Amino acid sequence: MTTAKERLQAHAEALRASSFWPYLCAPSDCSKAPHRGPEGPNEDMGQCGQCGSPSWSMRPWGETFGYHLDDCSLPIWHESRCQPGGTGHPDAPTIRG
């Protein structure tokens, strides 16, 4: 029986061998790894252009998924989760979700 990691590796190998995405590297060899899902309000689902793995990307400026913490201490446009202990910032013009 194969593990999920082995199946993912086999899938990546099959994609690289196809004529559609011959430039993909194996997820285990990706220099942009480790990949993660979206975490904060400024992030959305994305895909790594180097290995094809699911990952995250920044949402367009002025758009969030949900709200920042009321006391977010990071700049309005930040990666990952909000950090408490600041003064917060105004809501984005477009709030999804």
PDB file of N, CA and C in Angstrom:
ATOM      1  N   MET A   1       0.845  -1.181   0.000  1.00  0.00           N
ATOM      2  CA  MET A   1       0.000   0.000   0.000  1.00  0.00           C
ATOM      3  C   MET A   1       0.889   1.242   0.000  1.00  0.00           C
ATOM      4  N   THR A   2       0.550   2.219  -0.830  1.00  0.00           N
ATOM      5  CA  THR A   2       1.359   3.427  -0.919  1.00  0.00           C
ATOM      6  C   THR A   2       0.827   4.505   0.017  1.00  0.00           C
ATOM      7  N   THR A   3       1.735   5.351   0.458  1.00  0.00           N
ATOM      8  CA  THR A   3       1.351   6.455   1.333  1.00  0.00           C
ATOM      9  C   THR A   3       0.916   7.640   0.483  1.00  0.00           C
ATOM     10  N   ALA A   4       0.303   8.614   1.128  1.00  0.00           N
ATOM     11  CA  ALA A   4      -0.133   9.817   0.418  1.00  0.00           C
ATOM     12  C   ALA A   4       1.066  10.544  -0.174  1.00  0.00           C
ATOM     13  N   LYS A   5       2.177  10.575   0.545  1.00  0.00           N
ATOM     14  CA  LYS A   5       3.385  11.236   0.039  1.00  0.00           C
ATOM     15  C   LYS A   5       3.900  10.533  -1.218  1.00  0.00           C
ATOM     16  N   GLU A   6       3.875   9.216  -1.217  1.00  0.00           N
ATOM     17  CA  GLU A   6       4.321   8.459  -2.398  1.00  0.00           C
ATOM     18  C   GLU A   6       3.387   8.688  -3.584  1.00  0.00           C
ATOM     19  N   ARG A   7       2.085   8.770  -3.319  1.00  0.00           N
ATOM     20  CA  ARG A   7       1.133   9.038  -4.401  1.00  0.00           C
ATOM     21  C   ARG A   7       1.326  10.437  -4.967  1.00  0.00           C
ATOM     22  N   LEU A   8       1.590  11.408  -4.090  1.00  0.00           N
ATOM     23  CA  LEU A   8       1.840  12.775  -4.538  1.00  0.00           C
ATOM     24  C   LEU A   8       3.101  12.836  -5.394  1.00  0.00           C
ATOM     25  N   GLN A   9       4.131  12.140  -4.956  1.00  0.00           N
ATOM     26  CA  GLN A   9       5.385  12.091  -5.716  1.00  0.00           C
ATOM     27  C   GLN A   9       5.146  11.450  -7.084  1.00  0.00           C
ATOM     28  N   ALA A  10       4.386  10.365  -7.128  1.00  0.00           N
ATOM     29  CA  ALA A  10       4.094   9.695  -8.391  1.00  0.00           C
ATOM     30  C   ALA A  10       3.282  10.603  -9.308  1.00  0.00           C
ATOM     31  N   HIS A  11       2.350  11.351  -8.723  1.00  0.00           N
ATOM     32  CA  HIS A  11       1.551  12.285  -9.518  1.00  0.00           C
ATOM     33  C   HIS A  11       2.438  13.383 -10.108  1.00  0.00           C
ATOM     34  N   ALA A  12       3.350  13.927  -9.300  1.00  0.00           N
ATOM     35  CA  ALA A  12       4.270  14.958  -9.786  1.00  0.00           C
ATOM     36  C   ALA A  12       5.160  14.412 -10.903  1.00  0.00           C
ATOM     37  N   GLU A  13       5.624  13.181 -10.739  1.00  0.00           N
ATOM     38  CA  GLU A  13       6.448  12.558 -11.786  1.00  0.00           C
ATOM     39  C   GLU A  13       5.653  12.408 -13.082  1.00  0.00           C
ATOM     40  N   ALA A  14       4.397  12.011 -12.963  1.00  0.00           N
ATOM     41  CA  ALA A  14       3.552  11.848 -14.152  1.00  0.00           C
ATOM     42  C   ALA A  14       3.315  13.194 -14.836  1.00  0.00           C
ATOM     43  N   LEU A  15       3.116  14.256 -14.059  1.00  0.00           N
ATOM     44  CA  LEU A  15       2.941  15.579 -14.648  1.00  0.00           C
ATOM     45  C   LEU A  15       4.195  16.031 -15.387  1.00  0.00           C
ATOM     46  N   ARG A  16       5.354  15.805 -14.776  1.00  0.00           N
ATOM     47  CA  ARG A  16       6.607  16.200 -15.423  1.00  0.00           C
ATOM     48  C   ARG A  16       6.826  15.422 -16.707  1.00  0.00           C
ATOM     49  N   ALA A  17       6.406  14.172 -16.722  1.00  0.00           N
ATOM     50  CA  ALA A  17       6.615  13.327 -17.899  1.00  0.00           C
ATOM     51  C   ALA A  17       5.646  13.683 -19.024  1.00  0.00           C
ATOM     52  N   SER A  18       4.529  14.339 -18.677  1.00  0.00           N
ATOM     53  CA  SER A  18       3.567  14.699 -19.714  1.00  0.00           C
ATOM     54  C   SER A  18       4.118  15.852 -20.539  1.00  0.00           C
ATOM     55  N   SER A  19       3.609  15.997 -21.740  1.00  0.00           N
ATOM     56  CA  SER A  19       4.066  17.083 -22.597  1.00  0.00           C
ATOM     57  C   SER A  19       3.466  18.423 -22.177  1.00  0.00           C
ATOM     58  N   PHE A  20       2.434  18.400 -21.317  1.00  0.00           N
ATOM     59  CA  PHE A  20       1.784  19.634 -20.904  1.00  0.00           C
ATOM     60  C   PHE A  20       2.645  20.439 -19.937  1.00  0.00           C
ATOM     61  N   TRP A  21       3.229  19.788 -18.924  1.00  0.00           N
ATOM     62  CA  TRP A  21       4.055  20.475 -17.926  1.00  0.00           C
ATOM     63  C   TRP A  21       5.412  19.803 -17.779  1.00  0.00           C
ATOM     64  N   PRO A  22       6.225  19.772 -18.785  1.00  0.00           N
ATOM     65  CA  PRO A  22       7.511  19.084 -18.667  1.00  0.00           C
ATOM     66  C   PRO A  22       8.519  19.829 -17.799  1.00  0.00           C
ATOM     67  N   TYR A  23       8.253  21.082 -17.497  1.00  0.00           N
ATOM     68  CA  TYR A  23       9.207  21.889 -16.732  1.00  0.00           C
ATOM     69  C   TYR A  23       9.053  21.744 -15.226  1.00  0.00           C
ATOM     70  N   LEU A  24       8.029  21.046 -14.742  1.00  0.00           N
ATOM     71  CA  LEU A  24       7.802  20.936 -13.305  1.00  0.00           C
ATOM     72  C   LEU A  24       8.875  20.101 -12.632  1.00  0.00           C
ATOM     73  N   CYS A  25       9.284  20.561 -11.455  1.00  0.00           N
ATOM     74  CA  CYS A  25      10.200  19.754 -10.649  1.00  0.00           C
ATOM     75  C   CYS A  25       9.364  18.933  -9.669  1.00  0.00           C
ATOM     76  N   ALA A  26       9.976  17.971  -9.040  1.00  0.00           N
ATOM     77  CA  ALA A  26       9.286  17.176  -8.020  1.00  0.00           C
ATOM     78  C   ALA A  26       9.039  18.062  -6.798  1.00  0.00           C
ATOM     79  N   PRO A  27       7.887  17.926  -6.134  1.00  0.00           N
ATOM     80  CA  PRO A  27       7.629  18.745  -4.945  1.00  0.00           C
ATOM     81  C   PRO A  27       8.738  18.635  -3.897  1.00  0.00           C
ATOM     82  N   SER A  28       9.343  17.473  -3.770  1.00  0.00           N
ATOM     83  CA  SER A  28      10.419  17.309  -2.787  1.00  0.00           C
ATOM     84  C   SER A  28      11.688  18.064  -3.184  1.00  0.00           C
ATOM     85  N   ASP A  29      11.832  18.427  -4.463  1.00  0.00           N
ATOM     86  CA  ASP A  29      13.007  19.156  -4.933  1.00  0.00           C
ATOM     87  C   ASP A  29      12.742  20.648  -5.117  1.00  0.00           C
ATOM     88  N   CYS A  30      11.539  21.108  -4.794  1.00  0.00           N
ATOM     89  CA  CYS A  30      11.148  22.493  -5.055  1.00  0.00           C
ATOM     90  C   CYS A  30      11.889  23.451  -4.126  1.00  0.00           C
ATOM     91  N   SER A  31      12.513  24.469  -4.718  1.00  0.00           N
ATOM     92  CA  SER A  31      13.245  25.452  -3.915  1.00  0.00           C
ATOM     93  C   SER A  31      12.293  26.418  -3.191  1.00  0.00           C
ATOM     94  N   LYS A  32      11.023  26.440  -3.587  1.00  0.00           N
ATOM     95  CA  LYS A  32      10.042  27.305  -2.924  1.00  0.00           C
ATOM     96  C   LYS A  32       9.292  26.583  -1.814  1.00  0.00           C
ATOM     97  N   ALA A  33       9.609  25.325  -1.567  1.00  0.00           N
ATOM     98  CA  ALA A  33       8.952  24.532  -0.518  1.00  0.00           C
ATOM     99  C   ALA A  33       9.437  25.010   0.843  1.00  0.00           C
ATOM    100  N   PRO A  34       8.726  24.780   1.904  1.00  0.00           N
ATOM    101  CA  PRO A  34       7.474  24.040   1.962  1.00  0.00           C
ATOM    102  C   PRO A  34       6.303  24.929   1.549  1.00  0.00           C
ATOM    103  N   HIS A  35       5.324  24.299   0.947  1.00  0.00           N
ATOM    104  CA  HIS A  35       4.126  25.004   0.523  1.00  0.00           C
ATOM    105  C   HIS A  35       3.103  24.927   1.644  1.00  0.00           C
ATOM    106  N   ARG A  36       2.252  25.911   1.709  1.00  0.00           N
ATOM    107  CA  ARG A  36       1.216  25.945   2.740  1.00  0.00           C
ATOM    108  C   ARG A  36      -0.044  26.531   2.137  1.00  0.00           C
ATOM    109  N   GLY A  37      -1.131  26.378   2.811  1.00  0.00           N
ATOM    110  CA  GLY A  37      -2.374  26.973   2.381  1.00  0.00           C
ATOM    111  C   GLY A  37      -2.453  28.428   2.817  1.00  0.00           C
ATOM    112  N   PRO A  38      -3.482  29.144   2.393  1.00  0.00           N
ATOM    113  CA  PRO A  38      -3.636  30.536   2.818  1.00  0.00           C
ATOM    114  C   PRO A  38      -3.911  30.607   4.314  1.00  0.00           C
ATOM    115  N   GLU A  39      -3.357  31.612   4.960  1.00  0.00           N
ATOM    116  CA  GLU A  39      -3.512  31.743   6.408  1.00  0.00           C
ATOM    117  C   GLU A  39      -4.213  33.025   6.824  1.00  0.00           C
ATOM    118  N   GLY A  40      -3.839  34.134   6.262  1.00  0.00           N
ATOM    119  CA  GLY A  40      -4.386  35.406   6.713  1.00  0.00           C
ATOM    120  C   GLY A  40      -5.418  35.976   5.760  1.00  0.00           C
ATOM    121  N   PRO A  41      -5.977  37.133   6.108  1.00  0.00           N
ATOM    122  CA  PRO A  41      -7.032  37.724   5.301  1.00  0.00           C
ATOM    123  C   PRO A  41      -6.570  38.211   3.932  1.00  0.00           C
ATOM    124  N   ASN A  42      -5.282  38.444   3.750  1.00  0.00           N
ATOM    125  CA  ASN A  42      -4.773  38.934   2.468  1.00  0.00           C
ATOM    126  C   ASN A  42      -4.352  37.808   1.533  1.00  0.00           C
ATOM    127  N   GLU A  43      -4.528  36.565   1.929  1.00  0.00           N
ATOM    128  CA  GLU A  43      -4.050  35.430   1.133  1.00  0.00           C
ATOM    129  C   GLU A  43      -5.195  34.622   0.532  1.00  0.00           C
ATOM    130  N   ASP A  44      -4.889  33.959  -0.582  1.00  0.00           N
ATOM    131  CA  ASP A  44      -5.855  33.131  -1.294  1.00  0.00           C
ATOM    132  C   ASP A  44      -5.145  31.860  -1.745  1.00  0.00           C
ATOM    133  N   MET A  45      -5.912  30.875  -2.237  1.00  0.00           N
ATOM    134  CA  MET A  45      -5.308  29.656  -2.777  1.00  0.00           C
ATOM    135  C   MET A  45      -4.501  30.005  -4.020  1.00  0.00           C
ATOM    136  N   GLY A  46      -3.407  29.314  -4.190  1.00  0.00           N
ATOM    137  CA  GLY A  46      -2.557  29.510  -5.351  1.00  0.00           C
ATOM    138  C   GLY A  46      -1.904  28.203  -5.734  1.00  0.00           C
ATOM    139  N   GLN A  47      -0.996  28.278  -6.683  1.00  0.00           N
ATOM    140  CA  GLN A  47      -0.269  27.092  -7.137  1.00  0.00           C
ATOM    141  C   GLN A  47       1.167  27.482  -7.400  1.00  0.00           C
ATOM    142  N   CYS A  48       2.080  26.654  -6.960  1.00  0.00           N
ATOM    143  CA  CYS A  48       3.494  26.895  -7.189  1.00  0.00           C
ATOM    144  C   CYS A  48       3.795  26.727  -8.679  1.00  0.00           C
ATOM    145  N   GLY A  49       4.420  27.698  -9.264  1.00  0.00           N
ATOM    146  CA  GLY A  49       4.776  27.627 -10.676  1.00  0.00           C
ATOM    147  C   GLY A  49       5.981  26.770 -10.951  1.00  0.00           C
ATOM    148  N   GLN A  50       6.677  26.357  -9.908  1.00  0.00           N
ATOM    149  CA  GLN A  50       7.879  25.549 -10.074  1.00  0.00           C
ATOM    150  C   GLN A  50       7.592  24.056 -10.008  1.00  0.00           C
ATOM    151  N   CYS A  51       6.680  23.638  -9.098  1.00  0.00           N
ATOM    152  CA  CYS A  51       6.408  22.200  -8.965  1.00  0.00           C
ATOM    153  C   CYS A  51       4.926  21.850  -9.153  1.00  0.00           C
ATOM    154  N   GLY A  52       4.058  22.852  -9.214  1.00  0.00           N
ATOM    155  CA  GLY A  52       2.634  22.594  -9.422  1.00  0.00           C
ATOM    156  C   GLY A  52       1.868  22.265  -8.157  1.00  0.00           C
ATOM    157  N   SER A  53       2.515  22.305  -7.000  1.00  0.00           N
ATOM    158  CA  SER A  53       1.836  21.990  -5.740  1.00  0.00           C
ATOM    159  C   SER A  53       0.862  23.093  -5.349  1.00  0.00           C
ATOM    160  N   PRO A  54      -0.230  22.736  -4.665  1.00  0.00           N
ATOM    161  CA  PRO A  54      -1.117  23.769  -4.138  1.00  0.00           C
ATOM    162  C   PRO A  54      -0.357  24.615  -3.127  1.00  0.00           C
ATOM    163  N   SER A  55      -0.603  25.881  -3.127  1.00  0.00           N
ATOM    164  CA  SER A  55       0.079  26.784  -2.219  1.00  0.00           C
ATOM    165  C   SER A  55      -0.815  27.993  -1.982  1.00  0.00           C
ATOM    166  N   TRP A  56      -0.257  29.133  -1.716  1.00  0.00           N
ATOM    167  CA  TRP A  56      -1.004  30.349  -1.448  1.00  0.00           C
ATOM    168  C   TRP A  56      -0.477  31.469  -2.330  1.00  0.00           C
ATOM    169  N   SER A  57      -1.266  32.517  -2.458  1.00  0.00           N
ATOM    170  CA  SER A  57      -0.838  33.726  -3.150  1.00  0.00           C
ATOM    171  C   SER A  57      -1.520  34.905  -2.473  1.00  0.00           C
ATOM    172  N   MET A  58      -0.983  36.082  -2.702  1.00  0.00           N
ATOM    173  CA  MET A  58      -1.581  37.279  -2.128  1.00  0.00           C
ATOM    174  C   MET A  58      -2.815  37.660  -2.941  1.00  0.00           C
ATOM    175  N   ARG A  59      -3.861  38.083  -2.260  1.00  0.00           N
ATOM    176  CA  ARG A  59      -5.053  38.589  -2.927  1.00  0.00           C
ATOM    177  C   ARG A  59      -4.731  39.951  -3.547  1.00  0.00           C
ATOM    178  N   PRO A  60      -5.560  40.400  -4.480  1.00  0.00           N
ATOM    179  CA  PRO A  60      -5.342  41.737  -5.042  1.00  0.00           C
ATOM    180  C   PRO A  60      -5.423  42.803  -3.952  1.00  0.00           C
ATOM    181  N   TRP A  61      -4.695  43.897  -4.144  1.00  0.00           N
ATOM    182  CA  TRP A  61      -4.692  44.987  -3.171  1.00  0.00           C
ATOM    183  C   TRP A  61      -6.127  45.482  -2.968  1.00  0.00           C
ATOM    184  N   GLY A  62      -6.505  45.696  -1.733  1.00  0.00           N
ATOM    185  CA  GLY A  62      -7.838  46.197  -1.426  1.00  0.00           C
ATOM    186  C   GLY A  62      -8.898  45.124  -1.289  1.00  0.00           C
ATOM    187  N   GLU A  63      -8.497  43.858  -1.304  1.00  0.00           N
ATOM    188  CA  GLU A  63      -9.439  42.751  -1.165  1.00  0.00           C
ATOM    189  C   GLU A  63      -8.951  41.818  -0.068  1.00  0.00           C
ATOM    190  N   THR A  64      -9.849  41.426   0.828  1.00  0.00           N
ATOM    191  CA  THR A  64      -9.497  40.466   1.875  1.00  0.00           C
ATOM    192  C   THR A  64     -10.549  39.369   1.927  1.00  0.00           C
ATOM    193  N   PHE A  65     -10.183  38.276   2.551  1.00  0.00           N
ATOM    194  CA  PHE A  65     -11.145  37.216   2.853  1.00  0.00           C
ATOM    195  C   PHE A  65     -11.415  37.337   4.342  1.00  0.00           C
ATOM    196  N   GLY A  66     -12.515  37.931   4.695  1.00  0.00           N
ATOM    197  CA  GLY A  66     -12.807  38.198   6.093  1.00  0.00           C
ATOM    198  C   GLY A  66     -12.123  39.486   6.538  1.00  0.00           C
ATOM    199  N   TYR A  67     -11.981  39.635   7.831  1.00  0.00           N
ATOM    200  CA  TYR A  67     -11.468  40.871   8.412  1.00  0.00           C
ATOM    201  C   TYR A  67     -10.133  40.647   9.107  1.00  0.00           C
ATOM    202  N   HIS A  68      -9.350  41.709   9.218  1.00  0.00           N
ATOM    203  CA  HIS A  68      -8.142  41.689  10.040  1.00  0.00           C
ATOM    204  C   HIS A  68      -8.569  41.747  11.513  1.00  0.00           C
ATOM    205  N   LEU A  69      -7.655  41.379  12.406  1.00  0.00           N
ATOM    206  CA  LEU A  69      -7.926  41.567  13.831  1.00  0.00           C
ATOM    207  C   LEU A  69      -8.140  43.051  14.109  1.00  0.00           C
ATOM    208  N   ASP A  70      -8.986  43.349  15.071  1.00  0.00           N
ATOM    209  CA  ASP A  70      -9.232  44.755  15.425  1.00  0.00           C
ATOM    210  C   ASP A  70      -7.960  45.458  15.867  1.00  0.00           C
ATOM    211  N   ASP A  71      -7.033  44.705  16.472  1.00  0.00           N
ATOM    212  CA  ASP A  71      -5.784  45.303  16.959  1.00  0.00           C
ATOM    213  C   ASP A  71      -4.564  44.777  16.195  1.00  0.00           C
ATOM    214  N   CYS A  72      -4.730  44.514  14.889  1.00  0.00           N
ATOM    215  CA  CYS A  72      -3.631  43.982  14.071  1.00  0.00           C
ATOM    216  C   CYS A  72      -2.442  44.943  14.111  1.00  0.00           C
ATOM    217  N   SER A  73      -1.270  44.411  14.415  1.00  0.00           N
ATOM    218  CA  SER A  73      -0.067  45.238  14.526  1.00  0.00           C
ATOM    219  C   SER A  73       0.767  45.244  13.249  1.00  0.00           C
ATOM    220  N   LEU A  74       0.357  44.490  12.239  1.00  0.00           N
ATOM    221  CA  LEU A  74       1.101  44.422  10.978  1.00  0.00           C
ATOM    222  C   LEU A  74       0.595  45.483  10.008  1.00  0.00           C
ATOM    223  N   PRO A  75       1.366  45.781   8.957  1.00  0.00           N
ATOM    224  CA  PRO A  75       0.871  46.707   7.939  1.00  0.00           C
ATOM    225  C   PRO A  75      -0.412  46.159   7.310  1.00  0.00           C
ATOM    226  N   ILE A  76      -1.198  47.015   6.682  1.00  0.00           N
ATOM    227  CA  ILE A  76      -2.478  46.595   6.117  1.00  0.00           C
ATOM    228  C   ILE A  76      -2.303  45.478   5.090  1.00  0.00           C
ATOM    229  N   TRP A  77      -1.199  45.431   4.367  1.00  0.00           N
ATOM    230  CA  TRP A  77      -0.936  44.432   3.339  1.00  0.00           C
ATOM    231  C   TRP A  77       0.153  43.509   3.864  1.00  0.00           C
ATOM    232  N   HIS A  78      -0.219  42.401   4.496  1.00  0.00           N
ATOM    233  CA  HIS A  78       0.775  41.509   5.100  1.00  0.00           C
ATOM    234  C   HIS A  78       0.480  40.060   4.760  1.00  0.00           C
ATOM    235  N   GLU A  79       1.529  39.249   4.816  1.00  0.00           N
ATOM    236  CA  GLU A  79       1.388  37.807   4.645  1.00  0.00           C
ATOM    237  C   GLU A  79       0.982  37.187   5.975  1.00  0.00           C
ATOM    238  N   SER A  80       0.416  36.024   5.905  1.00  0.00           N
ATOM    239  CA  SER A  80       0.080  35.189   7.045  1.00  0.00           C
ATOM    240  C   SER A  80      -0.993  35.827   7.939  1.00  0.00           C
ATOM    241  N   ARG A  81      -1.081  35.307   9.152  1.00  0.00           N
ATOM    242  CA  ARG A  81      -2.124  35.737  10.094  1.00  0.00           C
ATOM    243  C   ARG A  81      -1.792  37.093  10.701  1.00  0.00           C
ATOM    244  N   CYS A  82      -2.837  37.775  11.134  1.00  0.00           N
ATOM    245  CA  CYS A  82      -2.666  39.037  11.846  1.00  0.00           C
ATOM    246  C   CYS A  82      -1.992  38.778  13.191  1.00  0.00           C
ATOM    247  N   GLN A  83      -1.233  39.755  13.651  1.00  0.00           N
ATOM    248  CA  GLN A  83      -0.600  39.689  14.964  1.00  0.00           C
ATOM    249  C   GLN A  83      -1.247  40.752  15.853  1.00  0.00           C
ATOM    250  N   PRO A  84      -1.724  40.381  17.024  1.00  0.00           N
ATOM    251  CA  PRO A  84      -2.379  41.363  17.899  1.00  0.00           C
ATOM    252  C   PRO A  84      -1.375  42.316  18.533  1.00  0.00           C
ATOM    253  N   GLY A  85      -1.903  43.343  19.186  1.00  0.00           N
ATOM    254  CA  GLY A  85      -1.053  44.259  19.943  1.00  0.00           C
ATOM    255  C   GLY A  85      -0.806  45.581  19.251  1.00  0.00           C
ATOM    256  N   GLY A  86      -1.519  45.860  18.185  1.00  0.00           N
ATOM    257  CA  GLY A  86      -1.331  47.123  17.472  1.00  0.00           C
ATOM    258  C   GLY A  86      -2.580  47.978  17.535  1.00  0.00           C
ATOM    259  N   THR A  87      -2.654  48.910  16.603  1.00  0.00           N
ATOM    260  CA  THR A  87      -3.798  49.822  16.568  1.00  0.00           C
ATOM    261  C   THR A  87      -4.811  49.436  15.502  1.00  0.00           C
ATOM    262  N   GLY A  88      -4.502  48.419  14.694  1.00  0.00           N
ATOM    263  CA  GLY A  88      -5.414  47.986  13.646  1.00  0.00           C
ATOM    264  C   GLY A  88      -5.347  48.892  12.435  1.00  0.00           C
ATOM    265  N   HIS A  89      -6.231  48.666  11.487  1.00  0.00           N
ATOM    266  CA  HIS A  89      -6.300  49.480  10.277  1.00  0.00           C
ATOM    267  C   HIS A  89      -7.700  49.364   9.701  1.00  0.00           C
ATOM    268  N   PRO A  90      -8.050  50.229   8.755  1.00  0.00           N
ATOM    269  CA  PRO A  90      -9.410  50.204   8.214  1.00  0.00           C
ATOM    270  C   PRO A  90      -9.681  48.931   7.425  1.00  0.00           C
ATOM    271  N   ASP A  91     -10.963  48.602   7.273  1.00  0.00           N
ATOM    272  CA  ASP A  91     -11.365  47.432   6.489  1.00  0.00           C
ATOM    273  C   ASP A  91     -11.048  47.667   5.024  1.00  0.00           C
ATOM    274  N   ALA A  92     -10.814  46.570   4.314  1.00  0.00           N
ATOM    275  CA  ALA A  92     -10.559  46.643   2.871  1.00  0.00           C
ATOM    276  C   ALA A  92     -11.830  47.061   2.149  1.00  0.00           C
ATOM    277  N   PRO A  93     -11.705  47.721   0.993  1.00  0.00           N
ATOM    278  CA  PRO A  93     -12.895  48.094   0.237  1.00  0.00           C
ATOM    279  C   PRO A  93     -13.735  46.881  -0.191  1.00  0.00           C
ATOM    280  N   THR A  94     -13.066  45.756  -0.484  1.00  0.00           N
ATOM    281  CA  THR A  94     -13.768  44.529  -0.897  1.00  0.00           C
ATOM    282  C   THR A  94     -13.469  43.429   0.100  1.00  0.00           C
ATOM    283  N   ILE A  95     -14.491  42.906   0.754  1.00  0.00           N
ATOM    284  CA  ILE A  95     -14.316  41.824   1.731  1.00  0.00           C
ATOM    285  C   ILE A  95     -15.071  40.618   1.229  1.00  0.00           C
ATOM    286  N   ARG A  96     -14.341  39.556   0.956  1.00  0.00           N
ATOM    287  CA  ARG A  96     -14.936  38.307   0.476  1.00  0.00           C
ATOM    288  C   ARG A  96     -15.079  37.367   1.676  1.00  0.00           C
ATOM    289  N   GLY A  97     -16.118  36.586   1.675  1.00  0.00           N
ATOM    290  CA  GLY A  97     -16.295  35.593   2.731  1.00  0.00           C
ATOM    291  C   GLY A  97     -16.778  36.124   4.029  1.00  0.00           C
TER     292      GLY A  97
END
